[in-house]
Amino acid sequence: MNDLISVIIPIYNIKDCLPRCVESVCKQTYTNLEILLVDDGSTDGTGELCESLAKEDSRIQVFHKPNGGSSSARNLGLMHAKGDFVGFVDSDDWIDEEMYETLYKMITSTGMKMAQAGRQEEAEDGTILAPICIPPMQDEVIDSETFFKELLLHRGDCSFCTKLCKRELFEEKKFPEGVLNEDFYLMIHLLGGIQGIASSHKQMYHVYYRIGSNTRKKSKEEFPRVFADCVDNAEVAMELVQKKNPDLIPVALRFGIFQRLEYLLHIPIKQMQKNNSEYQAVIAFIRKNFLKGMGNQHLSLKNKCYLFLFAFAPKTIRRIHKRIRKL
């Protein structure tokens, strides 16, 4: 185990959770690490806490930058990373002690350039939440096309936080800045250059959901942007599928419809106007692909019900949906 692993932690106003996160990385059984804390313009004293933590472990390096978002913080970390392998941890979260040793061994034994751990979702009160991504029953290697398909079916895990990657993967591609859901965008572009992903059955990455979380919460202005970026990612995914994986076109269509239905379920009703070109483009797509969607075997019955309703009366359905949720 002589290869250096660079662990990049983007940080913003997270004083209460940061010590646990950093401690979990410092306690890794794989000890040849450099830990890059990237303070993304914190204003609550988190930057000073980073400097204090660095005094406790010589492997920790601290970088301060103006606020620019998680992607820009990760990209700065990549610029300074010297490791042969790279991992990412969100500052709310923590990892099991053996995670990087396990993933490193999986990469070296399988010849893959990326390995992933299972993730466990935990609420603020300690409740273990239903898994978003179900890990395999046993360790396995998933070929790139199958993994891409799983992502399009919302069953795969696109998060880079659960992964260990060879640093060479990031030499030409970086996290897109100024957008949300950036992990999905980068992941589907990297998949074309690798054979597959080694996947562990162990749930070693712990995602922490808390009220007021700086990395999880979205403002009223930002929240619709999440779903707009999801629609953009659906467009990108379809373009990639048409060029390189035409067999996955029906799955990509299902993904595109699903993402747009999510958009329609979350866009503020006051923005559902004729002069909103983004909204109008979503409606146009839904109506154009209505018949294909209703016949798509990858869409659930619930999805098809929403597709039918939104194709004909989107604003009315949202008003009714809002009243039902209040009840």
C-alpha atoms as a PDB file:
ATOM      1  CA  MET A   1       0.000   0.000   0.000  1.00  0.00           C
ATOM      2  CA  ASN A   2       2.525   2.593  -1.144  1.00  0.00           C
ATOM      3  CA  ASP A   3       0.220   4.619  -3.403  1.00  0.00           C
ATOM      4  CA  LEU A   4      -0.808   7.987  -2.032  1.00  0.00           C
ATOM      5  CA  ILE A   5      -4.542   8.681  -1.733  1.00  0.00           C
ATOM      6  CA  SER A   6      -5.712  12.311  -1.808  1.00  0.00           C
ATOM      7  CA  VAL A   7      -8.963  12.892   0.084  1.00  0.00           C
ATOM      8  CA  ILE A   8     -10.670  16.175  -0.820  1.00  0.00           C
ATOM      9  CA  ILE A   9     -13.235  17.675   1.564  1.00  0.00           C
ATOM     10  CA  PRO A  10     -15.088  20.803   0.337  1.00  0.00           C
ATOM     11  CA  ILE A  11     -16.151  22.862   3.356  1.00  0.00           C
ATOM     12  CA  TYR A  12     -18.579  25.701   3.940  1.00  0.00           C
ATOM     13  CA  ASN A  13     -19.976  26.881   7.315  1.00  0.00           C
ATOM     14  CA  ILE A  14     -20.017  23.438   8.891  1.00  0.00           C
ATOM     15  CA  LYS A  15     -18.296  23.798  12.278  1.00  0.00           C
ATOM     16  CA  ASP A  16     -20.499  21.317  14.094  1.00  0.00           C
ATOM     17  CA  CYS A  17     -20.049  18.366  11.720  1.00  0.00           C
ATOM     18  CA  LEU A  18     -16.516  18.915  10.444  1.00  0.00           C
ATOM     19  CA  PRO A  19     -14.542  17.349  13.341  1.00  0.00           C
ATOM     20  CA  ARG A  20     -16.385  14.021  12.999  1.00  0.00           C
ATOM     21  CA  CYS A  21     -15.899  14.032   9.231  1.00  0.00           C
ATOM     22  CA  VAL A  22     -12.171  14.782   9.382  1.00  0.00           C
ATOM     23  CA  GLU A  23     -11.590  12.343  12.245  1.00  0.00           C
ATOM     24  CA  SER A  24     -13.174   9.511  10.238  1.00  0.00           C
ATOM     25  CA  VAL A  25     -10.716  10.177   7.406  1.00  0.00           C
ATOM     26  CA  CYS A  26      -7.712  10.476   9.737  1.00  0.00           C
ATOM     27  CA  LYS A  27      -8.577   7.088  11.295  1.00  0.00           C
ATOM     28  CA  GLN A  28      -8.439   5.204   7.997  1.00  0.00           C
ATOM     29  CA  THR A  29      -6.626   1.864   8.117  1.00  0.00           C
ATOM     30  CA  TYR A  30      -5.031   2.942   4.840  1.00  0.00           C
ATOM     31  CA  THR A  31      -2.644   5.507   6.272  1.00  0.00           C
ATOM     32  CA  ASN A  32      -0.814   6.847   3.218  1.00  0.00           C
ATOM     33  CA  LEU A  33      -3.161   9.787   2.790  1.00  0.00           C
ATOM     34  CA  GLU A  34      -3.105  13.493   2.175  1.00  0.00           C
ATOM     35  CA  ILE A  35      -6.250  15.216   3.399  1.00  0.00           C
ATOM     36  CA  LEU A  36      -7.159  18.431   1.588  1.00  0.00           C
ATOM     37  CA  LEU A  37      -9.606  20.675   3.436  1.00  0.00           C
ATOM     38  CA  VAL A  38     -10.919  23.280   0.994  1.00  0.00           C
ATOM     39  CA  ASP A  39     -12.633  26.125   2.857  1.00  0.00           C
ATOM     40  CA  ASP A  40     -15.078  27.595   0.340  1.00  0.00           C
ATOM     41  CA  GLY A  41     -15.372  31.060   1.868  1.00  0.00           C
ATOM     42  CA  SER A  42     -16.831  30.085   5.256  1.00  0.00           C
ATOM     43  CA  THR A  43     -18.068  32.941   7.437  1.00  0.00           C
ATOM     44  CA  ASP A  44     -18.818  31.145  10.710  1.00  0.00           C
ATOM     45  CA  GLY A  45     -15.314  30.332  11.906  1.00  0.00           C
ATOM     46  CA  THR A  46     -15.072  27.042  10.014  1.00  0.00           C
ATOM     47  CA  GLY A  47     -11.930  28.282   8.262  1.00  0.00           C
ATOM     48  CA  GLU A  48     -10.207  28.750  11.608  1.00  0.00           C
ATOM     49  CA  LEU A  49     -11.376  25.296  12.682  1.00  0.00           C
ATOM     50  CA  CYS A  50      -9.725  23.830   9.575  1.00  0.00           C
ATOM     51  CA  GLU A  51      -6.412  25.370  10.586  1.00  0.00           C
ATOM     52  CA  SER A  52      -6.802  23.963  14.091  1.00  0.00           C
ATOM     53  CA  LEU A  53      -7.510  20.466  12.778  1.00  0.00           C
ATOM     54  CA  ALA A  54      -4.446  20.656  10.530  1.00  0.00           C
ATOM     55  CA  LYS A  55      -2.261  21.062  13.630  1.00  0.00           C
ATOM     56  CA  GLU A  56      -3.467  17.694  14.902  1.00  0.00           C
ATOM     57  CA  ASP A  57      -2.432  15.652  11.842  1.00  0.00           C
ATOM     58  CA  SER A  58       0.480  16.443   9.524  1.00  0.00           C
ATOM     59  CA  ARG A  59      -1.370  14.849   6.586  1.00  0.00           C
ATOM     60  CA  ILE A  60      -3.960  17.658   6.597  1.00  0.00           C
ATOM     61  CA  GLN A  61      -3.547  20.631   4.260  1.00  0.00           C
ATOM     62  CA  VAL A  62      -5.890  23.616   4.294  1.00  0.00           C
ATOM     63  CA  PHE A  63      -6.843  25.817   1.350  1.00  0.00           C
ATOM     64  CA  HIS A  64      -9.015  28.922   1.579  1.00  0.00           C
ATOM     65  CA  LYS A  65     -10.915  30.369  -1.383  1.00  0.00           C
ATOM     66  CA  PRO A  66     -13.815  32.739  -2.069  1.00  0.00           C
ATOM     67  CA  ASN A  67     -17.205  31.053  -2.037  1.00  0.00           C
ATOM     68  CA  GLY A  68     -17.880  29.365  -5.351  1.00  0.00           C
ATOM     69  CA  GLY A  69     -19.703  26.150  -4.577  1.00  0.00           C
ATOM     70  CA  SER A  70     -18.779  22.536  -3.986  1.00  0.00           C
ATOM     71  CA  SER A  71     -17.577  21.918  -7.554  1.00  0.00           C
ATOM     72  CA  SER A  72     -15.104  24.794  -7.503  1.00  0.00           C
ATOM     73  CA  ALA A  73     -13.813  23.605  -4.107  1.00  0.00           C
ATOM     74  CA  ARG A  74     -13.353  20.073  -5.421  1.00  0.00           C
ATOM     75  CA  ASN A  75     -11.603  21.347  -8.534  1.00  0.00           C
ATOM     76  CA  LEU A  76      -9.214  23.392  -6.410  1.00  0.00           C
ATOM     77  CA  GLY A  77      -8.480  20.274  -4.404  1.00  0.00           C
ATOM     78  CA  LEU A  78      -7.776  18.355  -7.602  1.00  0.00           C
ATOM     79  CA  MET A  79      -5.296  21.062  -8.665  1.00  0.00           C
ATOM     80  CA  HIS A  80      -3.288  20.471  -5.476  1.00  0.00           C
ATOM     81  CA  ALA A  81      -3.783  16.705  -5.145  1.00  0.00           C
ATOM     82  CA  LYS A  82      -0.564  14.695  -5.443  1.00  0.00           C
ATOM     83  CA  GLY A  83      -2.032  11.251  -4.887  1.00  0.00           C
ATOM     84  CA  ASP A  84      -2.260   8.420  -7.385  1.00  0.00           C
ATOM     85  CA  PHE A  85      -5.859   8.003  -6.231  1.00  0.00           C
ATOM     86  CA  VAL A  86      -8.533  10.532  -5.233  1.00  0.00           C
ATOM     87  CA  GLY A  87     -11.517  10.339  -2.913  1.00  0.00           C
ATOM     88  CA  PHE A  88     -14.099  12.943  -1.882  1.00  0.00           C
ATOM     89  CA  VAL A  89     -16.038  13.297   1.375  1.00  0.00           C
ATOM     90  CA  ASP A  90     -18.793  15.830   2.056  1.00  0.00           C
ATOM     91  CA  SER A  91     -18.197  17.690   5.304  1.00  0.00           C
ATOM     92  CA  ASP A  92     -21.562  16.623   6.780  1.00  0.00           C
ATOM     93  CA  ASP A  93     -20.708  12.963   6.365  1.00  0.00           C
ATOM     94  CA  TRP A  94     -18.255  10.398   7.679  1.00  0.00           C
ATOM     95  CA  ILE A  95     -16.714   7.116   6.528  1.00  0.00           C
ATOM     96  CA  ASP A  96     -15.866   3.747   8.057  1.00  0.00           C
ATOM     97  CA  GLU A  97     -12.239   3.199   9.014  1.00  0.00           C
ATOM     98  CA  GLU A  98     -11.603   0.532   6.380  1.00  0.00           C
ATOM     99  CA  MET A  99     -13.304   2.264   3.442  1.00  0.00           C
ATOM    100  CA  TYR A 100     -10.281   3.452   1.492  1.00  0.00           C
ATOM    101  CA  GLU A 101      -8.267   0.302   2.194  1.00  0.00           C
ATOM    102  CA  THR A 102     -11.172  -1.801   0.924  1.00  0.00           C
ATOM    103  CA  LEU A 103     -11.675   0.286  -2.207  1.00  0.00           C
ATOM    104  CA  TYR A 104      -7.933   0.442  -2.916  1.00  0.00           C
ATOM    105  CA  LYS A 105      -7.693  -3.359  -2.766  1.00  0.00           C
ATOM    106  CA  MET A 106     -10.703  -3.684  -5.068  1.00  0.00           C
ATOM    107  CA  ILE A 107      -9.113  -1.408  -7.656  1.00  0.00           C
ATOM    108  CA  THR A 108      -5.743  -3.158  -7.565  1.00  0.00           C
ATOM    109  CA  SER A 109      -7.288  -6.638  -7.665  1.00  0.00           C
ATOM    110  CA  THR A 110      -9.774  -5.965 -10.479  1.00  0.00           C
ATOM    111  CA  GLY A 111      -7.779  -3.562 -12.643  1.00  0.00           C
ATOM    112  CA  MET A 112     -10.641  -1.038 -12.600  1.00  0.00           C
ATOM    113  CA  LYS A 113      -9.950   2.688 -12.322  1.00  0.00           C
ATOM    114  CA  MET A 114     -12.821   3.296  -9.916  1.00  0.00           C
ATOM    115  CA  ALA A 115     -14.373   1.504  -6.955  1.00  0.00           C
ATOM    116  CA  GLN A 116     -17.405   2.378  -4.875  1.00  0.00           C
ATOM    117  CA  ALA A 117     -18.738   1.630  -1.413  1.00  0.00           C
ATOM    118  CA  GLY A 118     -22.347   1.295  -0.375  1.00  0.00           C
ATOM    119  CA  ARG A 119     -23.909   4.268   1.400  1.00  0.00           C
ATOM    120  CA  GLN A 120     -26.075   4.513   4.487  1.00  0.00           C
ATOM    121  CA  GLU A 121     -28.494   7.400   4.970  1.00  0.00           C
ATOM    122  CA  GLU A 122     -28.960   8.710   8.499  1.00  0.00           C
ATOM    123  CA  ALA A 123     -31.383  11.362   9.810  1.00  0.00           C
ATOM    124  CA  GLU A 124     -30.513  13.955  12.436  1.00  0.00           C
ATOM    125  CA  ASP A 125     -32.253  11.928  15.147  1.00  0.00           C
ATOM    126  CA  GLY A 126     -30.160   8.856  14.357  1.00  0.00           C
ATOM    127  CA  THR A 127     -32.849   7.074  12.338  1.00  0.00           C
ATOM    128  CA  ILE A 128     -31.446   4.966   9.502  1.00  0.00           C
ATOM    129  CA  LEU A 129     -33.310   5.957   6.361  1.00  0.00           C
ATOM    130  CA  ALA A 130     -34.322   3.707   3.491  1.00  0.00           C
ATOM    131  CA  PRO A 131     -31.345   3.343   1.134  1.00  0.00           C
ATOM    132  CA  ILE A 132     -31.395   5.476  -2.003  1.00  0.00           C
ATOM    133  CA  CYS A 133     -28.983   3.111  -3.716  1.00  0.00           C
ATOM    134  CA  ILE A 134     -29.109  -0.563  -2.739  1.00  0.00           C
ATOM    135  CA  PRO A 135     -25.617  -2.131  -2.641  1.00  0.00           C
ATOM    136  CA  PRO A 136     -24.997  -5.527  -4.290  1.00  0.00           C
ATOM    137  CA  MET A 137     -25.296  -8.719  -2.245  1.00  0.00           C
ATOM    138  CA  GLN A 138     -21.592  -9.353  -2.803  1.00  0.00           C
ATOM    139  CA  ASP A 139     -18.621  -7.512  -4.299  1.00  0.00           C
ATOM    140  CA  GLU A 140     -18.845  -7.246  -8.069  1.00  0.00           C
ATOM    141  CA  VAL A 141     -17.558  -5.414 -11.126  1.00  0.00           C
ATOM    142  CA  ILE A 142     -20.199  -3.498 -13.076  1.00  0.00           C
ATOM    143  CA  ASP A 143     -19.351  -2.750 -16.698  1.00  0.00           C
ATOM    144  CA  SER A 144     -19.696   0.876 -17.761  1.00  0.00           C
ATOM    145  CA  GLU A 145     -22.772   0.454 -19.961  1.00  0.00           C
ATOM    146  CA  THR A 146     -24.659  -1.420 -17.248  1.00  0.00           C
ATOM    147  CA  PHE A 147     -23.684   1.219 -14.684  1.00  0.00           C
ATOM    148  CA  PHE A 148     -24.832   3.977 -17.046  1.00  0.00           C
ATOM    149  CA  LYS A 149     -28.144   2.167 -17.444  1.00  0.00           C
ATOM    150  CA  GLU A 150     -28.530   1.884 -13.659  1.00  0.00           C
ATOM    151  CA  LEU A 151     -27.970   5.630 -13.338  1.00  0.00           C
ATOM    152  CA  LEU A 152     -30.649   6.318 -15.950  1.00  0.00           C
ATOM    153  CA  LEU A 153     -33.026   4.068 -14.014  1.00  0.00           C
ATOM    154  CA  HIS A 154     -32.247   5.979 -10.785  1.00  0.00           C
ATOM    155  CA  ARG A 155     -30.815   2.851  -9.190  1.00  0.00           C
ATOM    156  CA  GLY A 156     -27.099   3.591  -9.513  1.00  0.00           C
ATOM    157  CA  ASP A 157     -25.018   5.859  -7.292  1.00  0.00           C
ATOM    158  CA  CYS A 158     -23.421   8.750  -9.191  1.00  0.00           C
ATOM    159  CA  SER A 159     -21.897  10.311  -6.062  1.00  0.00           C
ATOM    160  CA  PHE A 160     -18.122  10.661  -6.100  1.00  0.00           C
ATOM    161  CA  CYS A 161     -18.141  10.629  -2.300  1.00  0.00           C
ATOM    162  CA  THR A 162     -18.671   6.870  -2.249  1.00  0.00           C
ATOM    163  CA  LYS A 163     -15.870   6.327  -4.772  1.00  0.00           C
ATOM    164  CA  LEU A 164     -12.104   5.963  -4.941  1.00  0.00           C
ATOM    165  CA  CYS A 165     -10.770   6.924  -8.363  1.00  0.00           C
ATOM    166  CA  LYS A 166      -7.450   6.966 -10.142  1.00  0.00           C
ATOM    167  CA  ARG A 167      -6.405  10.598 -10.356  1.00  0.00           C
ATOM    168  CA  GLU A 168      -5.695  10.288 -14.080  1.00  0.00           C
ATOM    169  CA  LEU A 169      -9.470  10.298 -14.681  1.00  0.00           C
ATOM    170  CA  PHE A 170      -9.551  13.981 -13.732  1.00  0.00           C
ATOM    171  CA  GLU A 171      -6.675  15.132 -15.932  1.00  0.00           C
ATOM    172  CA  GLU A 172      -8.982  16.275 -18.728  1.00  0.00           C
ATOM    173  CA  LYS A 173     -12.381  16.364 -17.015  1.00  0.00           C
ATOM    174  CA  LYS A 174     -13.396  18.384 -13.972  1.00  0.00           C
ATOM    175  CA  PHE A 175     -16.583  19.066 -12.014  1.00  0.00           C
ATOM    176  CA  PRO A 176     -18.818  21.573 -13.837  1.00  0.00           C
ATOM    177  CA  GLU A 177     -19.089  24.779 -11.833  1.00  0.00           C
ATOM    178  CA  GLY A 178     -22.142  26.941 -11.339  1.00  0.00           C
ATOM    179  CA  VAL A 179     -24.593  24.033 -11.615  1.00  0.00           C
ATOM    180  CA  LEU A 180     -26.143  21.470  -9.286  1.00  0.00           C
ATOM    181  CA  ASN A 181     -26.218  17.682  -9.688  1.00  0.00           C
ATOM    182  CA  GLU A 182     -22.657  17.982 -10.958  1.00  0.00           C
ATOM    183  CA  ASP A 183     -21.700  14.432  -9.938  1.00  0.00           C
ATOM    184  CA  PHE A 184     -24.104  12.896 -12.450  1.00  0.00           C
ATOM    185  CA  TYR A 185     -22.790  15.101 -15.260  1.00  0.00           C
ATOM    186  CA  LEU A 186     -19.158  14.225 -14.634  1.00  0.00           C
ATOM    187  CA  MET A 187     -19.820  10.548 -13.955  1.00  0.00           C
ATOM    188  CA  ILE A 188     -21.583   9.849 -17.244  1.00  0.00           C
ATOM    189  CA  HIS A 189     -18.747  11.552 -19.118  1.00  0.00           C
ATOM    190  CA  LEU A 190     -16.100   9.508 -17.319  1.00  0.00           C
ATOM    191  CA  LEU A 191     -17.879   6.200 -17.922  1.00  0.00           C
ATOM    192  CA  GLY A 192     -17.006   6.281 -21.608  1.00  0.00           C
ATOM    193  CA  GLY A 193     -13.307   6.096 -20.757  1.00  0.00           C
ATOM    194  CA  ILE A 194     -13.338   3.220 -18.275  1.00  0.00           C
ATOM    195  CA  GLN A 195     -14.248  -0.463 -18.436  1.00  0.00           C
ATOM    196  CA  GLY A 196     -16.398  -0.460 -15.373  1.00  0.00           C
ATOM    197  CA  ILE A 197     -16.625   0.070 -11.623  1.00  0.00           C
ATOM    198  CA  ALA A 198     -15.752  -2.290  -8.788  1.00  0.00           C
ATOM    199  CA  SER A 199     -18.640  -2.199  -6.315  1.00  0.00           C
ATOM    200  CA  SER A 200     -18.436  -3.257  -2.667  1.00  0.00           C
ATOM    201  CA  HIS A 201     -21.380  -4.775  -0.820  1.00  0.00           C
ATOM    202  CA  LYS A 202     -20.339  -2.957   2.373  1.00  0.00           C
ATOM    203  CA  GLN A 203     -22.115   0.265   3.373  1.00  0.00           C
ATOM    204  CA  MET A 204     -19.073   2.283   4.403  1.00  0.00           C
ATOM    205  CA  TYR A 205     -20.072   5.847   3.495  1.00  0.00           C
ATOM    206  CA  HIS A 206     -22.501   7.568   5.869  1.00  0.00           C
ATOM    207  CA  VAL A 207     -24.714  10.370   4.544  1.00  0.00           C
ATOM    208  CA  TYR A 208     -26.034  12.682   7.249  1.00  0.00           C
ATOM    209  CA  TYR A 209     -29.317  14.502   6.676  1.00  0.00           C
ATOM    210  CA  ARG A 210     -29.995  17.235   9.191  1.00  0.00           C
ATOM    211  CA  ILE A 211     -32.317  20.225   9.502  1.00  0.00           C
ATOM    212  CA  GLY A 212     -30.492  23.322   8.328  1.00  0.00           C
ATOM    213  CA  SER A 213     -27.642  21.401   6.696  1.00  0.00           C
ATOM    214  CA  ASN A 214     -25.476  23.730   4.636  1.00  0.00           C
ATOM    215  CA  THR A 215     -24.747  21.081   2.030  1.00  0.00           C
ATOM    216  CA  ARG A 216     -28.255  19.606   1.799  1.00  0.00           C
ATOM    217  CA  LYS A 217     -30.687  22.508   2.122  1.00  0.00           C
ATOM    218  CA  LYS A 218     -31.836  24.562  -0.835  1.00  0.00           C
ATOM    219  CA  SER A 219     -33.195  28.087  -0.758  1.00  0.00           C
ATOM    220  CA  LYS A 220     -36.508  28.905  -2.404  1.00  0.00           C
ATOM    221  CA  GLU A 221     -34.588  30.465  -5.261  1.00  0.00           C
ATOM    222  CA  GLU A 222     -32.127  27.568  -5.647  1.00  0.00           C
ATOM    223  CA  PHE A 223     -34.480  24.619  -5.244  1.00  0.00           C
ATOM    224  CA  PRO A 224     -36.162  24.908  -8.681  1.00  0.00           C
ATOM    225  CA  ARG A 225     -32.658  25.254 -10.142  1.00  0.00           C
ATOM    226  CA  VAL A 226     -31.864  21.747  -8.912  1.00  0.00           C
ATOM    227  CA  PHE A 227     -34.573  20.307 -11.125  1.00  0.00           C
ATOM    228  CA  ALA A 228     -33.739  22.557 -14.052  1.00  0.00           C
ATOM    229  CA  ASP A 229     -30.183  21.227 -13.923  1.00  0.00           C
ATOM    230  CA  CYS A 230     -31.617  17.714 -13.777  1.00  0.00           C
ATOM    231  CA  VAL A 231     -33.422  18.439 -17.039  1.00  0.00           C
ATOM    232  CA  ASP A 232     -30.173  19.693 -18.566  1.00  0.00           C
ATOM    233  CA  ASN A 233     -28.450  16.481 -17.445  1.00  0.00           C
ATOM    234  CA  ALA A 234     -31.197  14.467 -19.128  1.00  0.00           C
ATOM    235  CA  GLU A 235     -30.434  16.255 -22.392  1.00  0.00           C
ATOM    236  CA  VAL A 236     -26.720  15.532 -22.009  1.00  0.00           C
ATOM    237  CA  ALA A 237     -27.412  11.881 -21.168  1.00  0.00           C
ATOM    238  CA  MET A 238     -29.573  11.426 -24.266  1.00  0.00           C
ATOM    239  CA  GLU A 239     -26.881  12.952 -26.464  1.00  0.00           C
ATOM    240  CA  LEU A 240     -24.275  10.559 -25.075  1.00  0.00           C
ATOM    241  CA  VAL A 241     -26.598   7.579 -25.479  1.00  0.00           C
ATOM    242  CA  GLN A 242     -27.417   8.463 -29.085  1.00  0.00           C
ATOM    243  CA  LYS A 243     -23.710   8.691 -29.930  1.00  0.00           C
ATOM    244  CA  LYS A 244     -22.306   5.763 -27.978  1.00  0.00           C
ATOM    245  CA  ASN A 245     -25.064   3.569 -26.504  1.00  0.00           C
ATOM    246  CA  PRO A 246     -28.049   3.564 -28.902  1.00  0.00           C
ATOM    247  CA  ASP A 247     -29.438   0.419 -27.239  1.00  0.00           C
ATOM    248  CA  LEU A 248     -30.121   2.568 -24.163  1.00  0.00           C
ATOM    249  CA  ILE A 249     -32.302   5.140 -25.975  1.00  0.00           C
ATOM    250  CA  PRO A 250     -35.573   3.831 -24.421  1.00  0.00           C
ATOM    251  CA  VAL A 251     -33.955   3.993 -20.963  1.00  0.00           C
ATOM    252  CA  ALA A 252     -32.625   7.491 -21.652  1.00  0.00           C
ATOM    253  CA  LEU A 253     -36.104   8.570 -22.796  1.00  0.00           C
ATOM    254  CA  ARG A 254     -37.529   7.233 -19.543  1.00  0.00           C
ATOM    255  CA  PHE A 255     -34.871   9.235 -17.675  1.00  0.00           C
ATOM    256  CA  GLY A 256     -35.681  12.380 -19.628  1.00  0.00           C
ATOM    257  CA  ILE A 257     -39.408  12.100 -18.959  1.00  0.00           C
ATOM    258  CA  PHE A 258     -38.868  11.320 -15.269  1.00  0.00           C
ATOM    259  CA  GLN A 259     -36.568  14.307 -14.782  1.00  0.00           C
ATOM    260  CA  ARG A 260     -39.046  16.629 -16.444  1.00  0.00           C
ATOM    261  CA  LEU A 261     -41.920  15.314 -14.342  1.00  0.00           C
ATOM    262  CA  GLU A 262     -39.825  16.079 -11.252  1.00  0.00           C
ATOM    263  CA  TYR A 263     -39.282  19.572 -12.622  1.00  0.00           C
ATOM    264  CA  LEU A 264     -43.031  20.062 -13.121  1.00  0.00           C
ATOM    265  CA  LEU A 265     -43.763  18.809  -9.611  1.00  0.00           C
ATOM    266  CA  HIS A 266     -41.398  21.326  -8.022  1.00  0.00           C
ATOM    267  CA  ILE A 267     -41.343  24.474 -10.136  1.00  0.00           C
ATOM    268  CA  PRO A 268     -43.248  27.285  -8.351  1.00  0.00           C
ATOM    269  CA  ILE A 269     -46.713  27.560  -9.874  1.00  0.00           C
ATOM    270  CA  LYS A 270     -46.202  31.286 -10.468  1.00  0.00           C
ATOM    271  CA  GLN A 271     -43.343  30.397 -12.847  1.00  0.00           C
ATOM    272  CA  MET A 272     -45.559  28.182 -15.014  1.00  0.00           C
ATOM    273  CA  GLN A 273     -46.091  30.962 -17.536  1.00  0.00           C
ATOM    274  CA  LYS A 274     -46.039  31.334 -21.334  1.00  0.00           C
ATOM    275  CA  ASN A 275     -43.062  33.704 -21.130  1.00  0.00           C
ATOM    276  CA  ASN A 276     -40.974  31.119 -19.223  1.00  0.00           C
ATOM    277  CA  SER A 277     -39.046  29.486 -22.068  1.00  0.00           C
ATOM    278  CA  GLU A 278     -37.533  26.823 -19.816  1.00  0.00           C
ATOM    279  CA  TYR A 279     -40.943  25.719 -18.569  1.00  0.00           C
ATOM    280  CA  GLN A 280     -42.415  25.819 -22.058  1.00  0.00           C
ATOM    281  CA  ALA A 281     -39.583  23.619 -23.362  1.00  0.00           C
ATOM    282  CA  VAL A 282     -40.337  21.037 -20.672  1.00  0.00           C
ATOM    283  CA  ILE A 283     -44.038  21.001 -21.550  1.00  0.00           C
ATOM    284  CA  ALA A 284     -43.220  20.726 -25.258  1.00  0.00           C
ATOM    285  CA  PHE A 285     -40.990  17.703 -24.582  1.00  0.00           C
ATOM    286  CA  ILE A 286     -43.659  16.015 -22.447  1.00  0.00           C
ATOM    287  CA  ARG A 287     -46.299  16.455 -25.159  1.00  0.00           C
ATOM    288  CA  LYS A 288     -44.009  15.481 -28.022  1.00  0.00           C
ATOM    289  CA  ASN A 289     -42.957  12.273 -26.290  1.00  0.00           C
ATOM    290  CA  PHE A 290     -46.329  11.490 -24.721  1.00  0.00           C
ATOM    291  CA  LEU A 291     -47.108   8.388 -26.798  1.00  0.00           C
ATOM    292  CA  LYS A 292     -43.566   7.032 -26.568  1.00  0.00           C
ATOM    293  CA  GLY A 293     -43.647   7.596 -22.839  1.00  0.00           C
ATOM    294  CA  MET A 294     -46.972   5.832 -22.337  1.00  0.00           C
ATOM    295  CA  GLY A 295     -45.544   2.834 -24.183  1.00  0.00           C
ATOM    296  CA  ASN A 296     -42.161   2.898 -22.432  1.00  0.00           C
ATOM    297  CA  GLN A 297     -41.682  -0.254 -20.370  1.00  0.00           C
ATOM    298  CA  HIS A 298     -39.194   1.480 -18.066  1.00  0.00           C
ATOM    299  CA  LEU A 299     -41.719   4.037 -16.770  1.00  0.00           C
ATOM    300  CA  SER A 300     -43.839   2.951 -13.811  1.00  0.00           C
ATOM    301  CA  LEU A 301     -47.626   3.199 -13.777  1.00  0.00           C
ATOM    302  CA  LYS A 302     -47.339   6.145 -11.379  1.00  0.00           C
ATOM    303  CA  ASN A 303     -44.943   7.895 -13.779  1.00  0.00           C
ATOM    304  CA  LYS A 304     -47.358   7.343 -16.660  1.00  0.00           C
ATOM    305  CA  CYS A 305     -50.254   8.763 -14.643  1.00  0.00           C
ATOM    306  CA  TYR A 306     -48.259  11.938 -14.005  1.00  0.00           C
ATOM    307  CA  LEU A 307     -47.215  12.024 -17.662  1.00  0.00           C
ATOM    308  CA  PHE A 308     -50.850  11.853 -18.771  1.00  0.00           C
ATOM    309  CA  LEU A 309     -51.965  14.553 -16.337  1.00  0.00           C
ATOM    310  CA  PHE A 310     -49.114  16.992 -16.975  1.00  0.00           C
ATOM    311  CA  ALA A 311     -49.373  16.601 -20.740  1.00  0.00           C
ATOM    312  CA  PHE A 312     -52.880  18.028 -20.727  1.00  0.00           C
ATOM    313  CA  ALA A 313     -53.294  20.303 -17.692  1.00  0.00           C
ATOM    314  CA  PRO A 314     -49.976  21.002 -15.960  1.00  0.00           C
ATOM    315  CA  LYS A 315     -50.948  24.100 -13.969  1.00  0.00           C
ATOM    316  CA  THR A 316     -54.277  22.657 -12.843  1.00  0.00           C
ATOM    317  CA  ILE A 317     -52.598  19.443 -11.704  1.00  0.00           C
ATOM    318  CA  ARG A 318     -50.040  21.403  -9.700  1.00  0.00           C
ATOM    319  CA  ARG A 319     -52.762  23.389  -7.925  1.00  0.00           C
ATOM    320  CA  ILE A 320     -54.592  20.179  -7.028  1.00  0.00           C
ATOM    321  CA  HIS A 321     -51.317  18.516  -5.993  1.00  0.00           C
ATOM    322  CA  LYS A 322     -50.513  21.471  -3.723  1.00  0.00           C
ATOM    323  CA  ARG A 323     -53.906  21.270  -1.996  1.00  0.00           C
ATOM    324  CA  ILE A 324     -53.580  17.529  -1.470  1.00  0.00           C
ATOM    325  CA  ARG A 325     -50.145  17.927   0.081  1.00  0.00           C
ATOM    326  CA  LYS A 326     -51.508  20.559   2.493  1.00  0.00           C
ATOM    327  CA  LEU A 327     -54.220  18.121   3.574  1.00  0.00           C
END
